[in-house]
């Protein structure tokens, strides 16, 4: 699996753990479902951006035009 994929798997597991902890502490019961979804989507989007930005090698290609 590529590094970006492993990063996203780890990030989703981390977010799942955070949401489970907030649910267990009854924090999620005090806020609405929409705000919970919004709060989960923002870090997920940041995780996708970081995974894409840090994936692959940054190399220049040489083209032989002879």
N, C-alpha and C. Protein backbone atom coordinates (compact mmCIF):
# COMPACT_ATOMS: atom_id res chain seq x y z
N UNK A 1 0.85 -1.17 0.00
CA UNK A 1 0.00 0.00 0.00
C UNK A 1 0.90 1.24 0.00
N UNK A 2 0.52 2.23 -0.73
CA UNK A 2 1.32 3.44 -0.82
C UNK A 2 1.25 4.23 0.47
N UNK A 3 2.21 5.14 0.62
CA UNK A 3 2.28 5.93 1.84
C UNK A 3 1.04 6.77 2.06
N UNK A 4 0.47 7.32 1.01
CA UNK A 4 -0.73 8.15 1.15
C UNK A 4 -1.90 7.30 1.65
N UNK A 5 -2.00 6.08 1.15
CA UNK A 5 -3.06 5.18 1.60
C UNK A 5 -2.90 4.79 3.06
N UNK A 6 -1.67 4.49 3.45
CA UNK A 6 -1.41 4.15 4.85
C UNK A 6 -1.68 5.33 5.76
N UNK A 7 -1.33 6.53 5.30
CA UNK A 7 -1.61 7.74 6.08
C UNK A 7 -3.11 7.90 6.29
N UNK A 8 -3.87 7.70 5.22
CA UNK A 8 -5.32 7.89 5.34
C UNK A 8 -5.95 6.82 6.22
N UNK A 9 -5.46 5.59 6.16
CA UNK A 9 -5.98 4.54 7.03
C UNK A 9 -5.71 4.90 8.49
N UNK A 10 -4.49 5.32 8.78
CA UNK A 10 -4.15 5.72 10.14
C UNK A 10 -4.95 6.91 10.61
N UNK A 11 -5.17 7.87 9.71
CA UNK A 11 -5.93 9.06 10.07
C UNK A 11 -7.39 8.72 10.35
N UNK A 12 -7.97 7.83 9.56
CA UNK A 12 -9.36 7.42 9.79
C UNK A 12 -9.48 6.67 11.11
N UNK A 13 -8.50 5.84 11.43
CA UNK A 13 -8.51 5.13 12.72
C UNK A 13 -8.40 6.14 13.86
N UNK A 14 -7.53 7.13 13.72
CA UNK A 14 -7.39 8.17 14.73
C UNK A 14 -8.70 8.93 14.92
N UNK A 15 -9.33 9.33 13.82
CA UNK A 15 -10.61 10.05 13.92
C UNK A 15 -11.69 9.18 14.55
N UNK A 16 -11.69 7.89 14.22
CA UNK A 16 -12.65 6.98 14.84
C UNK A 16 -12.44 6.88 16.34
N UNK A 17 -11.19 6.85 16.77
CA UNK A 17 -10.90 6.81 18.19
C UNK A 17 -11.32 8.07 18.91
N UNK A 18 -11.08 9.21 18.29
CA UNK A 18 -11.50 10.49 18.89
C UNK A 18 -13.01 10.56 18.99
N UNK A 19 -13.71 10.17 17.92
CA UNK A 19 -15.18 10.20 17.96
C UNK A 19 -15.73 9.21 18.98
N UNK A 20 -15.10 8.04 19.11
CA UNK A 20 -15.55 7.07 20.11
C UNK A 20 -15.35 7.61 21.52
N UNK A 21 -14.23 8.29 21.75
CA UNK A 21 -13.98 8.87 23.07
C UNK A 21 -14.99 9.96 23.38
N UNK A 22 -15.28 10.81 22.39
CA UNK A 22 -16.28 11.87 22.61
C UNK A 22 -17.66 11.28 22.84
N UNK A 23 -17.98 10.20 22.16
CA UNK A 23 -19.28 9.55 22.35
C UNK A 23 -19.37 8.94 23.75
N UNK A 24 -18.29 8.30 24.18
CA UNK A 24 -18.27 7.67 25.49
C UNK A 24 -18.37 8.70 26.62
N UNK A 25 -17.79 9.87 26.42
CA UNK A 25 -17.87 10.94 27.41
C UNK A 25 -19.17 11.74 27.32
N UNK A 26 -20.07 11.35 26.44
CA UNK A 26 -21.39 11.99 26.23
C UNK A 26 -21.26 13.43 25.73
N UNK A 27 -20.13 13.74 25.10
CA UNK A 27 -19.97 15.07 24.52
C UNK A 27 -20.81 15.18 23.25
N UNK A 28 -20.86 14.11 22.47
CA UNK A 28 -21.62 14.14 21.22
C UNK A 28 -23.12 14.23 21.46
N UNK A 29 -23.58 13.82 22.63
CA UNK A 29 -25.01 13.90 22.93
C UNK A 29 -25.45 15.35 23.13
N UNK A 30 -24.52 16.23 23.50
CA UNK A 30 -24.86 17.62 23.77
C UNK A 30 -24.86 18.49 22.52
N UNK A 31 -24.24 18.00 21.45
CA UNK A 31 -24.24 18.77 20.21
C UNK A 31 -25.02 17.99 19.16
N UNK A 32 -25.46 18.67 18.15
CA UNK A 32 -26.29 18.04 17.14
C UNK A 32 -25.50 17.15 16.19
N UNK A 33 -26.22 16.32 15.46
CA UNK A 33 -25.60 15.39 14.52
C UNK A 33 -24.92 16.14 13.37
N UNK A 34 -25.51 17.24 12.93
CA UNK A 34 -24.92 18.01 11.83
C UNK A 34 -23.56 18.56 12.23
N UNK A 35 -23.46 19.09 13.45
CA UNK A 35 -22.18 19.63 13.90
C UNK A 35 -21.16 18.53 14.10
N UNK A 36 -21.60 17.36 14.49
CA UNK A 36 -20.70 16.22 14.62
C UNK A 36 -20.14 15.83 13.25
N UNK A 37 -20.99 15.80 12.25
CA UNK A 37 -20.56 15.47 10.89
C UNK A 37 -19.61 16.54 10.36
N UNK A 38 -19.95 17.80 10.58
CA UNK A 38 -19.07 18.89 10.13
C UNK A 38 -17.72 18.79 10.82
N UNK A 39 -17.73 18.54 12.12
CA UNK A 39 -16.49 18.42 12.87
C UNK A 39 -15.66 17.23 12.44
N UNK A 40 -16.28 16.19 11.91
CA UNK A 40 -15.53 15.03 11.43
C UNK A 40 -15.01 15.25 10.01
N UNK A 41 -15.76 15.99 9.19
CA UNK A 41 -15.36 16.20 7.80
C UNK A 41 -14.18 17.17 7.67
N UNK A 42 -14.10 18.15 8.54
CA UNK A 42 -13.01 19.13 8.44
C UNK A 42 -11.65 18.47 8.63
N UNK A 43 -11.42 17.71 9.72
CA UNK A 43 -10.10 17.06 9.82
C UNK A 43 -9.88 15.97 8.77
N UNK A 44 -10.95 15.33 8.32
CA UNK A 44 -10.81 14.33 7.26
C UNK A 44 -10.32 14.99 5.97
N UNK A 45 -10.87 16.15 5.65
CA UNK A 45 -10.42 16.89 4.47
C UNK A 45 -8.97 17.34 4.61
N UNK A 46 -8.59 17.78 5.80
CA UNK A 46 -7.19 18.16 6.05
C UNK A 46 -6.29 16.95 5.91
N UNK A 47 -6.73 15.80 6.39
CA UNK A 47 -5.94 14.58 6.26
C UNK A 47 -5.74 14.19 4.82
N UNK A 48 -6.77 14.33 4.01
CA UNK A 48 -6.64 14.02 2.58
C UNK A 48 -5.65 14.97 1.92
N UNK A 49 -5.73 16.26 2.25
CA UNK A 49 -4.80 17.22 1.67
C UNK A 49 -3.36 16.92 2.07
N UNK A 50 -3.12 16.60 3.34
CA UNK A 50 -1.77 16.28 3.78
C UNK A 50 -1.27 14.99 3.14
N UNK A 51 -2.15 14.00 2.99
CA UNK A 51 -1.74 12.73 2.39
C UNK A 51 -1.35 12.92 0.93
N UNK A 52 -2.12 13.71 0.20
CA UNK A 52 -1.82 13.95 -1.21
C UNK A 52 -0.56 14.79 -1.35
N UNK A 53 -0.41 15.78 -0.47
CA UNK A 53 0.76 16.65 -0.57
C UNK A 53 2.05 15.91 -0.25
N UNK A 54 2.00 14.92 0.62
CA UNK A 54 3.21 14.21 1.02
C UNK A 54 3.41 12.89 0.29
N UNK A 55 2.59 12.58 -0.68
CA UNK A 55 2.72 11.32 -1.39
C UNK A 55 3.57 11.50 -2.63
N UNK A 56 4.26 10.43 -3.00
CA UNK A 56 5.04 10.43 -4.23
C UNK A 56 6.32 11.22 -4.11
N UNK A 57 7.15 11.04 -5.09
CA UNK A 57 8.42 11.75 -5.11
C UNK A 57 8.31 12.93 -6.06
N UNK A 58 8.99 13.98 -5.72
CA UNK A 58 8.97 15.19 -6.53
C UNK A 58 10.21 15.19 -7.43
N UNK A 59 10.08 14.60 -8.59
CA UNK A 59 11.21 14.50 -9.51
C UNK A 59 10.85 15.19 -10.83
N UNK A 60 11.87 15.74 -11.45
CA UNK A 60 11.69 16.34 -12.77
C UNK A 60 11.99 15.30 -13.83
N UNK A 61 11.22 15.31 -14.90
CA UNK A 61 11.43 14.38 -16.00
C UNK A 61 12.27 15.04 -17.08
N UNK A 62 13.19 14.28 -17.63
CA UNK A 62 14.00 14.75 -18.73
C UNK A 62 13.45 14.17 -20.03
N UNK A 63 13.26 15.02 -21.02
CA UNK A 63 12.74 14.57 -22.32
C UNK A 63 13.86 14.69 -23.33
N UNK A 64 14.18 13.59 -23.99
CA UNK A 64 15.21 13.59 -25.01
C UNK A 64 14.55 13.91 -26.34
N UNK A 65 14.85 15.06 -26.92
CA UNK A 65 14.20 15.49 -28.15
C UNK A 65 15.07 15.28 -29.39
N UNK A 66 15.90 14.28 -29.39
CA UNK A 66 16.75 14.07 -30.57
C UNK A 66 16.19 13.07 -31.52
